[in-house]
Amino acid sequence: MRLLIKLVGLALVFAGIYFLGQNIFFTTQISPYWWRDISATGSVLAILAGLVSLLFFRRETGGFGWILVILGIVLVFISGSVILKPTSLWYFFLSFASVFAGLQLIRTGRFNF
C-alpha cells in the first residue's frame, strides 16, 4: 500500500511539472554580442553543478548547491532565452497544487490540510 501511495505521489508531481512546463519555452539564439552567450552557458553549468552538489554531496556542500541552482535560474532569465506563455491563474494553481500534493504523498504518505 505504501508503494502505491508513493507511486500516486510521483505521478502527481510529474503531472504538475508537465502542465507547468507546457507554458515555458527555452530557446537558443545567436547573439551579435559575445557576452550574451556567457550567461546562457553559465546558466547550464551552474544548474548542473548545483544539482550534482545537492544530489551527491549534500552534507558537505548543500548550501552552495542551492546558491548555484538559484544563480543558474537567474542567468537563464538574464540571457533572455526563456519565453513564458500566458496562463490562467486556475491552471497555474492546479499545477502547483498537484506538485505539492504529490511531494507530500511521497514524503509523509498522506495529505495534511
PDB file of N, CA and C in Angstrom:
ATOM      1  N   MET A   1       0.824  -1.195   0.000  1.00  0.00           N
ATOM      2  CA  MET A   1       0.000   0.000   0.000  1.00  0.00           C
ATOM      3  C   MET A   1       0.865   1.255   0.000  1.00  0.00           C
ATOM      4  N   ARG A   2       1.971   1.219   0.757  1.00  0.00           N
ATOM      5  CA  ARG A   2       2.867   2.388   0.805  1.00  0.00           C
ATOM      6  C   ARG A   2       3.473   2.671  -0.565  1.00  0.00           C
ATOM      7  N   LEU A   3       3.820   1.603  -1.281  1.00  0.00           N
ATOM      8  CA  LEU A   3       4.398   1.780  -2.610  1.00  0.00           C
ATOM      9  C   LEU A   3       3.379   2.416  -3.557  1.00  0.00           C
ATOM     10  N   LEU A   4       2.136   2.006  -3.457  1.00  0.00           N
ATOM     11  CA  LEU A   4       1.091   2.574  -4.305  1.00  0.00           C
ATOM     12  C   LEU A   4       0.895   4.064  -4.016  1.00  0.00           C
ATOM     13  N   ILE A   5       0.921   4.442  -2.747  1.00  0.00           N
ATOM     14  CA  ILE A   5       0.778   5.857  -2.375  1.00  0.00           C
ATOM     15  C   ILE A   5       1.939   6.669  -2.914  1.00  0.00           C
ATOM     16  N   LYS A   6       3.158   6.131  -2.813  1.00  0.00           N
ATOM     17  CA  LYS A   6       4.329   6.847  -3.335  1.00  0.00           C
ATOM     18  C   LYS A   6       4.288   6.960  -4.852  1.00  0.00           C
ATOM     19  N   LEU A   7       3.789   5.936  -5.530  1.00  0.00           N
ATOM     20  CA  LEU A   7       3.663   6.000  -6.986  1.00  0.00           C
ATOM     21  C   LEU A   7       2.615   7.024  -7.416  1.00  0.00           C
ATOM     22  N   VAL A   8       1.509   7.106  -6.679  1.00  0.00           N
ATOM     23  CA  VAL A   8       0.491   8.129  -6.971  1.00  0.00           C
ATOM     24  C   VAL A   8       1.078   9.519  -6.745  1.00  0.00           C
ATOM     25  N   GLY A   9       1.861   9.679  -5.674  1.00  0.00           N
ATOM     26  CA  GLY A   9       2.516  10.959  -5.421  1.00  0.00           C
ATOM     27  C   GLY A   9       3.488  11.331  -6.525  1.00  0.00           C
ATOM     28  N   LEU A  10       4.253  10.362  -6.999  1.00  0.00           N
ATOM     29  CA  LEU A  10       5.197  10.613  -8.088  1.00  0.00           C
ATOM     30  C   LEU A  10       4.454  10.979  -9.367  1.00  0.00           C
ATOM     31  N   ALA A  11       3.327  10.323  -9.629  1.00  0.00           N
ATOM     32  CA  ALA A  11       2.524  10.653 -10.804  1.00  0.00           C
ATOM     33  C   ALA A  11       1.956  12.068 -10.706  1.00  0.00           C
ATOM     34  N   LEU A  12       1.536  12.477  -9.510  1.00  0.00           N
ATOM     35  CA  LEU A  12       1.040  13.848  -9.326  1.00  0.00           C
ATOM     36  C   LEU A  12       2.137  14.878  -9.558  1.00  0.00           C
ATOM     37  N   VAL A  13       3.332  14.591  -9.068  1.00  0.00           N
ATOM     38  CA  VAL A  13       4.456  15.514  -9.280  1.00  0.00           C
ATOM     39  C   VAL A  13       4.755  15.652 -10.762  1.00  0.00           C
ATOM     40  N   PHE A  14       4.838  14.522 -11.463  1.00  0.00           N
ATOM     41  CA  PHE A  14       5.125  14.578 -12.894  1.00  0.00           C
ATOM     42  C   PHE A  14       4.019  15.269 -13.677  1.00  0.00           C
ATOM     43  N   ALA A  15       2.767  15.050 -13.295  1.00  0.00           N
ATOM     44  CA  ALA A  15       1.650  15.717 -13.982  1.00  0.00           C
ATOM     45  C   ALA A  15       1.707  17.224 -13.770  1.00  0.00           C
ATOM     46  N   GLY A  16       2.004  17.663 -12.544  1.00  0.00           N
ATOM     47  CA  GLY A  16       2.102  19.100 -12.280  1.00  0.00           C
ATOM     48  C   GLY A  16       3.244  19.744 -13.034  1.00  0.00           C
ATOM     49  N   ILE A  17       4.395  19.078 -13.072  1.00  0.00           N
ATOM     50  CA  ILE A  17       5.542  19.615 -13.810  1.00  0.00           C
ATOM     51  C   ILE A  17       5.248  19.651 -15.304  1.00  0.00           C
ATOM     52  N   TYR A  18       4.586  18.629 -15.802  1.00  0.00           N
ATOM     53  CA  TYR A  18       4.235  18.596 -17.220  1.00  0.00           C
ATOM     54  C   TYR A  18       3.317  19.759 -17.588  1.00  0.00           C
ATOM     55  N   PHE A  19       2.281  19.995 -16.776  1.00  0.00           N
ATOM     56  CA  PHE A  19       1.351  21.071 -17.096  1.00  0.00           C
ATOM     57  C   PHE A  19       1.992  22.446 -16.945  1.00  0.00           C
ATOM     58  N   LEU A  20       2.895  22.611 -15.980  1.00  0.00           N
ATOM     59  CA  LEU A  20       3.615  23.885 -15.882  1.00  0.00           C
ATOM     60  C   LEU A  20       4.588  24.048 -17.040  1.00  0.00           C
ATOM     61  N   GLY A  21       5.213  22.965 -17.429  1.00  0.00           N
ATOM     62  CA  GLY A  21       6.218  23.026 -18.488  1.00  0.00           C
ATOM     63  C   GLY A  21       5.650  23.280 -19.867  1.00  0.00           C
ATOM     64  N   GLN A  22       4.358  23.089 -20.059  1.00  0.00           N
ATOM     65  CA  GLN A  22       3.765  23.359 -21.358  1.00  0.00           C
ATOM     66  C   GLN A  22       3.757  24.847 -21.693  1.00  0.00           C
ATOM     67  N   ASN A  23       3.878  25.709 -20.719  1.00  0.00           N
ATOM     68  CA  ASN A  23       3.821  27.147 -20.956  1.00  0.00           C
ATOM     69  C   ASN A  23       5.178  27.823 -20.868  1.00  0.00           C
ATOM     70  N   ILE A  24       6.241  27.045 -20.767  1.00  0.00           N
ATOM     71  CA  ILE A  24       7.588  27.610 -20.677  1.00  0.00           C
ATOM     72  C   ILE A  24       8.415  27.059 -21.834  1.00  0.00           C
ATOM     73  N   PHE A  25       9.014  27.943 -22.609  1.00  0.00           N
ATOM     74  CA  PHE A  25       9.852  27.544 -23.735  1.00  0.00           C
ATOM     75  C   PHE A  25      11.264  28.060 -23.508  1.00  0.00           C
ATOM     76  N   PHE A  26      12.230  27.186 -23.671  1.00  0.00           N
ATOM     77  CA  PHE A  26      13.629  27.570 -23.619  1.00  0.00           C
ATOM     78  C   PHE A  26      14.142  27.608 -25.048  1.00  0.00           C
ATOM     79  N   THR A  27      14.693  28.741 -25.436  1.00  0.00           N
ATOM     80  CA  THR A  27      15.157  28.905 -26.805  1.00  0.00           C
ATOM     81  C   THR A  27      16.644  29.192 -26.819  1.00  0.00           C
ATOM     82  N   THR A  28      17.221  28.982 -27.957  1.00  0.00           N
ATOM     83  CA  THR A  28      18.608  29.397 -28.174  1.00  0.00           C
ATOM     84  C   THR A  28      18.580  30.459 -29.255  1.00  0.00           C
ATOM     85  N   GLN A  29      19.450  31.380 -29.136  1.00  0.00           N
ATOM     86  CA  GLN A  29      19.507  32.446 -30.123  1.00  0.00           C
ATOM     87  C   GLN A  29      20.959  32.829 -30.354  1.00  0.00           C
ATOM     88  N   ILE A  30      21.231  33.228 -31.564  1.00  0.00           N
ATOM     89  CA  ILE A  30      22.578  33.682 -31.890  1.00  0.00           C
ATOM     90  C   ILE A  30      22.597  35.181 -31.655  1.00  0.00           C
ATOM     91  N   SER A  31      23.478  35.594 -30.792  1.00  0.00           N
ATOM     92  CA  SER A  31      23.532  36.992 -30.400  1.00  0.00           C
ATOM     93  C   SER A  31      24.723  37.670 -31.061  1.00  0.00           C
ATOM     94  N   PRO A  32      24.540  38.915 -31.510  1.00  0.00           N
ATOM     95  CA  PRO A  32      25.683  39.630 -32.076  1.00  0.00           C
ATOM     96  C   PRO A  32      26.688  40.051 -31.002  1.00  0.00           C
ATOM     97  N   TYR A  33      26.274  39.953 -29.756  1.00  0.00           N
ATOM     98  CA  TYR A  33      27.162  40.337 -28.667  1.00  0.00           C
ATOM     99  C   TYR A  33      27.695  39.079 -28.004  1.00  0.00           C
ATOM    100  N   TRP A  34      28.971  38.973 -27.801  1.00  0.00           N
ATOM    101  CA  TRP A  34      29.584  37.753 -27.273  1.00  0.00           C
ATOM    102  C   TRP A  34      29.238  37.510 -25.813  1.00  0.00           C
ATOM    103  N   TRP A  35      28.906  38.553 -25.052  1.00  0.00           N
ATOM    104  CA  TRP A  35      28.665  38.365 -23.623  1.00  0.00           C
ATOM    105  C   TRP A  35      27.297  37.760 -23.319  1.00  0.00           C
ATOM    106  N   ARG A  36      26.376  37.765 -24.267  1.00  0.00           N
ATOM    107  CA  ARG A  36      25.073  37.137 -24.020  1.00  0.00           C
ATOM    108  C   ARG A  36      25.184  35.621 -23.980  1.00  0.00           C
ATOM    109  N   ASP A  37      26.135  35.062 -24.720  1.00  0.00           N
ATOM    110  CA  ASP A  37      26.331  33.613 -24.703  1.00  0.00           C
ATOM    111  C   ASP A  37      26.949  33.139 -23.399  1.00  0.00           C
ATOM    112  N   ILE A  38      27.664  34.011 -22.709  1.00  0.00           N
ATOM    113  CA  ILE A  38      28.283  33.627 -21.445  1.00  0.00           C
ATOM    114  C   ILE A  38      27.212  33.316 -20.402  1.00  0.00           C
ATOM    115  N   SER A  39      26.153  34.122 -20.344  1.00  0.00           N
ATOM    116  CA  SER A  39      25.116  33.857 -19.349  1.00  0.00           C
ATOM    117  C   SER A  39      24.334  32.592 -19.677  1.00  0.00           C
ATOM    118  N   ALA A  40      24.147  32.275 -20.958  1.00  0.00           N
ATOM    119  CA  ALA A  40      23.445  31.041 -21.318  1.00  0.00           C
ATOM    120  C   ALA A  40      24.286  29.821 -20.956  1.00  0.00           C
ATOM    121  N   THR A  41      25.562  29.851 -21.262  1.00  0.00           N
ATOM    122  CA  THR A  41      26.443  28.737 -20.912  1.00  0.00           C
ATOM    123  C   THR A  41      26.627  28.644 -19.407  1.00  0.00           C
ATOM    124  N   GLY A  42      26.766  29.778 -18.768  1.00  0.00           N
ATOM    125  CA  GLY A  42      26.924  29.795 -17.308  1.00  0.00           C
ATOM    126  C   GLY A  42      25.703  29.256 -16.594  1.00  0.00           C
ATOM    127  N   SER A  43      24.515  29.509 -17.149  1.00  0.00           N
ATOM    128  CA  SER A  43      23.300  29.006 -16.500  1.00  0.00           C
ATOM    129  C   SER A  43      23.247  27.484 -16.538  1.00  0.00           C
ATOM    130  N   VAL A  44      23.604  26.901 -17.662  1.00  0.00           N
ATOM    131  CA  VAL A  44      23.603  25.438 -17.765  1.00  0.00           C
ATOM    132  C   VAL A  44      24.635  24.837 -16.821  1.00  0.00           C
ATOM    133  N   LEU A  45      25.828  25.396 -16.804  1.00  0.00           N
ATOM    134  CA  LEU A  45      26.884  24.870 -15.937  1.00  0.00           C
ATOM    135  C   LEU A  45      26.550  25.054 -14.457  1.00  0.00           C
ATOM    136  N   ALA A  46      25.974  26.201 -14.093  1.00  0.00           N
ATOM    137  CA  ALA A  46      25.630  26.438 -12.687  1.00  0.00           C
ATOM    138  C   ALA A  46      24.524  25.504 -12.213  1.00  0.00           C
ATOM    139  N   ILE A  47      23.516  25.300 -13.037  1.00  0.00           N
ATOM    140  CA  ILE A  47      22.422  24.399 -12.643  1.00  0.00           C
ATOM    141  C   ILE A  47      22.929  22.967 -12.526  1.00  0.00           C
ATOM    142  N   LEU A  48      23.743  22.521 -13.478  1.00  0.00           N
ATOM    143  CA  LEU A  48      24.276  21.160 -13.406  1.00  0.00           C
ATOM    144  C   LEU A  48      25.178  20.972 -12.186  1.00  0.00           C
ATOM    145  N   ALA A  49      26.057  21.939 -11.927  1.00  0.00           N
ATOM    146  CA  ALA A  49      26.936  21.835 -10.763  1.00  0.00           C
ATOM    147  C   ALA A  49      26.130  21.869  -9.464  1.00  0.00           C
ATOM    148  N   GLY A  50      25.096  22.695  -9.412  1.00  0.00           N
ATOM    149  CA  GLY A  50      24.253  22.753  -8.222  1.00  0.00           C
ATOM    150  C   GLY A  50      23.502  21.457  -7.986  1.00  0.00           C
ATOM    151  N   LEU A  51      22.973  20.858  -9.057  1.00  0.00           N
ATOM    152  CA  LEU A  51      22.250  19.598  -8.912  1.00  0.00           C
ATOM    153  C   LEU A  51      23.179  18.461  -8.493  1.00  0.00           C
ATOM    154  N   VAL A  52      24.373  18.420  -9.062  1.00  0.00           N
ATOM    155  CA  VAL A  52      25.344  17.389  -8.648  1.00  0.00           C
ATOM    156  C   VAL A  52      25.713  17.584  -7.193  1.00  0.00           C
ATOM    157  N   SER A  53      25.909  18.829  -6.797  1.00  0.00           N
ATOM    158  CA  SER A  53      26.240  19.124  -5.403  1.00  0.00           C
ATOM    159  C   SER A  53      25.122  18.711  -4.458  1.00  0.00           C
ATOM    160  N   LEU A  54      23.871  18.971  -4.857  1.00  0.00           N
ATOM    161  CA  LEU A  54      22.735  18.624  -3.998  1.00  0.00           C
ATOM    162  C   LEU A  54      22.482  17.119  -3.950  1.00  0.00           C
ATOM    163  N   LEU A  55      22.709  16.440  -5.057  1.00  0.00           N
ATOM    164  CA  LEU A  55      22.412  15.014  -5.103  1.00  0.00           C
ATOM    165  C   LEU A  55      23.507  14.151  -4.483  1.00  0.00           C
ATOM    166  N   PHE A  56      24.765  14.503  -4.695  1.00  0.00           N
ATOM    167  CA  PHE A  56      25.847  13.617  -4.285  1.00  0.00           C
ATOM    168  C   PHE A  56      26.643  14.109  -3.086  1.00  0.00           C
ATOM    169  N   PHE A  57      26.692  15.423  -2.858  1.00  0.00           N
ATOM    170  CA  PHE A  57      27.489  15.973  -1.760  1.00  0.00           C
ATOM    171  C   PHE A  57      26.644  16.859  -0.862  1.00  0.00           C
ATOM    172  N   ARG A  58      25.471  16.419  -0.513  1.00  0.00           N
ATOM    173  CA  ARG A  58      24.511  17.243   0.229  1.00  0.00           C
ATOM    174  C   ARG A  58      25.059  17.688   1.581  1.00  0.00           C
ATOM    175  N   ARG A  59      25.689  16.796   2.301  1.00  0.00           N
ATOM    176  CA  ARG A  59      26.165  17.122   3.639  1.00  0.00           C
ATOM    177  C   ARG A  59      27.307  18.145   3.589  1.00  0.00           C
ATOM    178  N   GLU A  60      28.195  18.013   2.631  1.00  0.00           N
ATOM    179  CA  GLU A  60      29.355  18.904   2.559  1.00  0.00           C
ATOM    180  C   GLU A  60      29.035  20.254   1.918  1.00  0.00           C
ATOM    181  N   THR A  61      28.299  20.237   0.805  1.00  0.00           N
ATOM    182  CA  THR A  61      28.105  21.470   0.033  1.00  0.00           C
ATOM    183  C   THR A  61      26.640  21.735  -0.301  1.00  0.00           C
ATOM    184  N   GLY A  62      25.733  21.397   0.599  1.00  0.00           N
ATOM    185  CA  GLY A  62      24.307  21.577   0.321  1.00  0.00           C
ATOM    186  C   GLY A  62      23.914  23.022   0.099  1.00  0.00           C
ATOM    187  N   GLY A  63      24.390  23.920   0.935  1.00  0.00           N
ATOM    188  CA  GLY A  63      24.048  25.337   0.795  1.00  0.00           C
ATOM    189  C   GLY A  63      24.621  25.941  -0.476  1.00  0.00           C
ATOM    190  N   PHE A  64      25.832  25.551  -0.807  1.00  0.00           N
ATOM    191  CA  PHE A  64      26.463  26.052  -2.033  1.00  0.00           C
ATOM    192  C   PHE A  64      25.724  25.531  -3.264  1.00  0.00           C
ATOM    193  N   GLY A  65      25.185  24.321  -3.179  1.00  0.00           N
ATOM    194  CA  GLY A  65      24.415  23.769  -4.292  1.00  0.00           C
ATOM    195  C   GLY A  65      23.169  24.581  -4.578  1.00  0.00           C
ATOM    196  N   TRP A  66      22.461  25.007  -3.519  1.00  0.00           N
ATOM    197  CA  TRP A  66      21.273  25.841  -3.718  1.00  0.00           C
ATOM    198  C   TRP A  66      21.642  27.188  -4.314  1.00  0.00           C
ATOM    199  N   ILE A  67      22.769  27.742  -3.894  1.00  0.00           N
ATOM    200  CA  ILE A  67      23.221  29.018  -4.460  1.00  0.00           C
ATOM    201  C   ILE A  67      23.491  28.872  -5.953  1.00  0.00           C
ATOM    202  N   LEU A  68      24.117  27.758  -6.348  1.00  0.00           N
ATOM    203  CA  LEU A  68      24.402  27.538  -7.768  1.00  0.00           C
ATOM    204  C   LEU A  68      23.123  27.346  -8.577  1.00  0.00           C
ATOM    205  N   VAL A  69      22.150  26.650  -8.029  1.00  0.00           N
ATOM    206  CA  VAL A  69      20.883  26.454  -8.741  1.00  0.00           C
ATOM    207  C   VAL A  69      20.171  27.791  -8.929  1.00  0.00           C
ATOM    208  N   ILE A  70      20.116  28.604  -7.889  1.00  0.00           N
ATOM    209  CA  ILE A  70      19.467  29.917  -7.992  1.00  0.00           C
ATOM    210  C   ILE A  70      20.214  30.814  -8.974  1.00  0.00           C
ATOM    211  N   LEU A  71      21.546  30.782  -8.932  1.00  0.00           N
ATOM    212  CA  LEU A  71      22.345  31.562  -9.885  1.00  0.00           C
ATOM    213  C   LEU A  71      22.065  31.118 -11.312  1.00  0.00           C
ATOM    214  N   GLY A  72      21.946  29.823 -11.533  1.00  0.00           N
ATOM    215  CA  GLY A  72      21.640  29.317 -12.867  1.00  0.00           C
ATOM    216  C   GLY A  72      20.284  29.777 -13.361  1.00  0.00           C
ATOM    217  N   ILE A  73      19.295  29.779 -12.476  1.00  0.00           N
ATOM    218  CA  ILE A  73      17.953  30.225 -12.867  1.00  0.00           C
ATOM    219  C   ILE A  73      17.963  31.715 -13.205  1.00  0.00           C
ATOM    220  N   VAL A  74      18.679  32.504 -12.421  1.00  0.00           N
ATOM    221  CA  VAL A  74      18.785  33.941 -12.703  1.00  0.00           C
ATOM    222  C   VAL A  74      19.482  34.174 -14.034  1.00  0.00           C
ATOM    223  N   LEU A  75      20.543  33.415 -14.312  1.00  0.00           N
ATOM    224  CA  LEU A  75      21.255  33.574 -15.581  1.00  0.00           C
ATOM    225  C   LEU A  75      20.405  33.166 -16.779  1.00  0.00           C
ATOM    226  N   VAL A  76      19.494  32.224 -16.605  1.00  0.00           N
ATOM    227  CA  VAL A  76      18.588  31.857 -17.702  1.00  0.00           C
ATOM    228  C   VAL A  76      17.725  33.055 -18.072  1.00  0.00           C
ATOM    229  N   PHE A  77      17.198  33.749 -17.073  1.00  0.00           N
ATOM    230  CA  PHE A  77      16.350  34.898 -17.370  1.00  0.00           C
ATOM    231  C   PHE A  77      17.153  36.085 -17.889  1.00  0.00           C
ATOM    232  N   ILE A  78      18.395  36.235 -17.449  1.00  0.00           N
ATOM    233  CA  ILE A  78      19.236  37.323 -17.952  1.00  0.00           C
ATOM    234  C   ILE A  78      19.573  37.106 -19.418  1.00  0.00           C
ATOM    235  N   SER A  79      19.816  35.855 -19.804  1.00  0.00           N
ATOM    236  CA  SER A  79      20.188  35.583 -21.195  1.00  0.00           C
ATOM    237  C   SER A  79      19.023  35.793 -22.148  1.00  0.00           C
ATOM    238  N   GLY A  80      17.811  35.865 -21.634  1.00  0.00           N
ATOM    239  CA  GLY A  80      16.651  36.123 -22.484  1.00  0.00           C
ATOM    240  C   GLY A  80      16.224  34.920 -23.296  1.00  0.00           C
ATOM    241  N   SER A  81      16.572  33.735 -22.860  1.00  0.00           N
ATOM    242  CA  SER A  81      16.234  32.550 -23.643  1.00  0.00           C
ATOM    243  C   SER A  81      15.058  31.780 -23.059  1.00  0.00           C
ATOM    244  N   VAL A  82      14.238  32.450 -22.275  1.00  0.00           N
ATOM    245  CA  VAL A  82      13.038  31.826 -21.723  1.00  0.00           C
ATOM    246  C   VAL A  82      11.828  32.620 -22.186  1.00  0.00           C
ATOM    247  N   ILE A  83      10.861  31.906 -22.767  1.00  0.00           N
ATOM    248  CA  ILE A  83       9.622  32.541 -23.205  1.00  0.00           C
ATOM    249  C   ILE A  83       8.498  31.946 -22.373  1.00  0.00           C
ATOM    250  N   LEU A  84       7.768  32.780 -21.677  1.00  0.00           N
ATOM    251  CA  LEU A  84       6.657  32.340 -20.843  1.00  0.00           C
ATOM    252  C   LEU A  84       5.349  32.680 -21.543  1.00  0.00           C
ATOM    253  N   LYS A  85       4.571  31.651 -21.883  1.00  0.00           N
ATOM    254  CA  LYS A  85       3.264  31.885 -22.477  1.00  0.00           C
ATOM    255  C   LYS A  85       2.285  32.283 -21.386  1.00  0.00           C
ATOM    256  N   PRO A  86       1.311  33.104 -21.722  1.00  0.00           N
ATOM    257  CA  PRO A  86       0.294  33.449 -20.726  1.00  0.00           C
ATOM    258  C   PRO A  86      -0.496  32.215 -20.299  1.00  0.00           C
ATOM    259  N   THR A  87      -0.823  32.156 -19.020  1.00  0.00           N
ATOM    260  CA  THR A  87      -1.597  31.037 -18.489  1.00  0.00           C
ATOM    261  C   THR A  87      -2.606  31.586 -17.491  1.00  0.00           C
ATOM    262  N   SER A  88      -3.663  30.842 -17.292  1.00  0.00           N
ATOM    263  CA  SER A  88      -4.672  31.306 -16.348  1.00  0.00           C
ATOM    264  C   SER A  88      -4.221  31.019 -14.920  1.00  0.00           C
ATOM    265  N   LEU A  89      -4.758  31.765 -14.011  1.00  0.00           N
ATOM    266  CA  LEU A  89      -4.415  31.569 -12.605  1.00  0.00           C
ATOM    267  C   LEU A  89      -4.903  30.211 -12.114  1.00  0.00           C
ATOM    268  N   TRP A  90      -6.049  29.779 -12.606  1.00  0.00           N
ATOM    269  CA  TRP A  90      -6.596  28.482 -12.211  1.00  0.00           C
ATOM    270  C   TRP A  90      -5.677  27.341 -12.666  1.00  0.00           C
ATOM    271  N   TYR A  91      -5.183  27.390 -13.889  1.00  0.00           N
ATOM    272  CA  TYR A  91      -4.276  26.389 -14.429  1.00  0.00           C
ATOM    273  C   TYR A  91      -2.974  26.372 -13.619  1.00  0.00           C
ATOM    274  N   PHE A  92      -2.446  27.536 -13.302  1.00  0.00           N
ATOM    275  CA  PHE A  92      -1.229  27.662 -12.513  1.00  0.00           C
ATOM    276  C   PHE A  92      -1.432  27.084 -11.114  1.00  0.00           C
ATOM    277  N   PHE A  93      -2.574  27.394 -10.489  1.00  0.00           N
ATOM    278  CA  PHE A  93      -2.882  26.887  -9.160  1.00  0.00           C
ATOM    279  C   PHE A  93      -2.996  25.365  -9.154  1.00  0.00           C
ATOM    280  N   LEU A  94      -3.690  24.796 -10.123  1.00  0.00           N
ATOM    281  CA  LEU A  94      -3.848  23.348 -10.180  1.00  0.00           C
ATOM    282  C   LEU A  94      -2.511  22.640 -10.407  1.00  0.00           C
ATOM    283  N   SER A  95      -1.650  23.234 -11.219  1.00  0.00           N
ATOM    284  CA  SER A  95      -0.335  22.631 -11.455  1.00  0.00           C
ATOM    285  C   SER A  95       0.494  22.607 -10.181  1.00  0.00           C
ATOM    286  N   PHE A  96       0.543  23.733  -9.474  1.00  0.00           N
ATOM    287  CA  PHE A  96       1.316  23.783  -8.238  1.00  0.00           C
ATOM    288  C   PHE A  96       0.696  22.917  -7.146  1.00  0.00           C
ATOM    289  N   ALA A  97      -0.631  22.869  -7.081  1.00  0.00           N
ATOM    290  CA  ALA A  97      -1.283  22.016  -6.095  1.00  0.00           C
ATOM    291  C   ALA A  97      -0.964  20.544  -6.357  1.00  0.00           C
ATOM    292  N   SER A  98      -0.904  20.164  -7.620  1.00  0.00           N
ATOM    293  CA  SER A  98      -0.564  18.791  -7.971  1.00  0.00           C
ATOM    294  C   SER A  98       0.867  18.454  -7.564  1.00  0.00           C
ATOM    295  N   VAL A  99       1.792  19.373  -7.813  1.00  0.00           N
ATOM    296  CA  VAL A  99       3.194  19.134  -7.441  1.00  0.00           C
ATOM    297  C   VAL A  99       3.333  19.006  -5.929  1.00  0.00           C
ATOM    298  N   PHE A 100       2.753  19.920  -5.189  1.00  0.00           N
ATOM    299  CA  PHE A 100       2.920  19.886  -3.738  1.00  0.00           C
ATOM    300  C   PHE A 100       2.161  18.736  -3.084  1.00  0.00           C
ATOM    301  N   ALA A 101       0.998  18.383  -3.625  1.00  0.00           N
ATOM    302  CA  ALA A 101       0.280  17.225  -3.094  1.00  0.00           C
ATOM    303  C   ALA A 101       1.071  15.944  -3.354  1.00  0.00           C
ATOM    304  N   GLY A 102       1.660  15.844  -4.531  1.00  0.00           N
ATOM    305  CA  GLY A 102       2.481  14.677  -4.833  1.00  0.00           C
ATOM    306  C   GLY A 102       3.704  14.588  -3.947  1.00  0.00           C
ATOM    307  N   LEU A 103       4.362  15.714  -3.703  1.00  0.00           N
ATOM    308  CA  LEU A 103       5.533  15.715  -2.815  1.00  0.00           C
ATOM    309  C   LEU A 103       5.141  15.337  -1.392  1.00  0.00           C
ATOM    310  N   GLN A 104       3.982  15.793  -0.960  1.00  0.00           N
ATOM    311  CA  GLN A 104       3.532  15.448   0.388  1.00  0.00           C
ATOM    312  C   GLN A 104       3.179  13.966   0.490  1.00  0.00           C
ATOM    313  N   LEU A 105       2.606  13.414  -0.559  1.00  0.00           N
ATOM    314  CA  LEU A 105       2.326  11.977  -0.558  1.00  0.00           C
ATOM    315  C   LEU A 105       3.621  11.164  -0.536  1.00  0.00           C
ATOM    316  N   ILE A 106       4.624  11.618  -1.255  1.00  0.00           N
ATOM    317  CA  ILE A 106       5.901  10.901  -1.271  1.00  0.00           C
ATOM    318  C   ILE A 106       6.578  10.968   0.097  1.00  0.00           C
ATOM    319  N   ARG A 107       6.565  12.148   0.711  1.00  0.00           N
ATOM    320  CA  ARG A 107       7.252  12.331   1.985  1.00  0.00           C
ATOM    321  C   ARG A 107       6.525  11.665   3.150  1.00  0.00           C
ATOM    322  N   THR A 108       5.235  11.942   3.301  1.00  0.00           N
ATOM    323  CA  THR A 108       4.523  11.502   4.502  1.00  0.00           C
ATOM    324  C   THR A 108       3.538  10.372   4.257  1.00  0.00           C
ATOM    325  N   GLY A 109       3.081  10.203   3.022  1.00  0.00           N
ATOM    326  CA  GLY A 109       2.109   9.171   2.731  1.00  0.00           C
ATOM    327  C   GLY A 109       0.673   9.609   2.928  1.00  0.00           C
ATOM    328  N   ARG A 110       0.437  10.877   3.261  1.00  0.00           N
ATOM    329  CA  ARG A 110      -0.928  11.379   3.439  1.00  0.00           C
ATOM    330  C   ARG A 110      -0.936  12.887   3.205  1.00  0.00           C
ATOM    331  N   PHE A 111      -2.153  13.422   3.055  1.00  0.00           N
ATOM    332  CA  PHE A 111      -2.322  14.869   2.886  1.00  0.00           C
ATOM    333  C   PHE A 111      -2.542  15.513   4.238  1.00  0.00           C
ATOM    334  N   ASN A 112      -1.867  16.593   4.503  1.00  0.00           N
ATOM    335  CA  ASN A 112      -2.102  17.384   5.718  1.00  0.00           C
ATOM    336  C   ASN A 112      -2.714  18.712   5.308  1.00  0.00           C
ATOM    337  N   PHE A 113      -4.002  18.860   5.522  1.00  0.00           N
ATOM    338  CA  PHE A 113      -4.671  20.119   5.159  1.00  0.00           C
ATOM    339  C   PHE A 113      -4.782  21.010   6.359  1.00  0.00           C
TER     340      PHE A 113
END
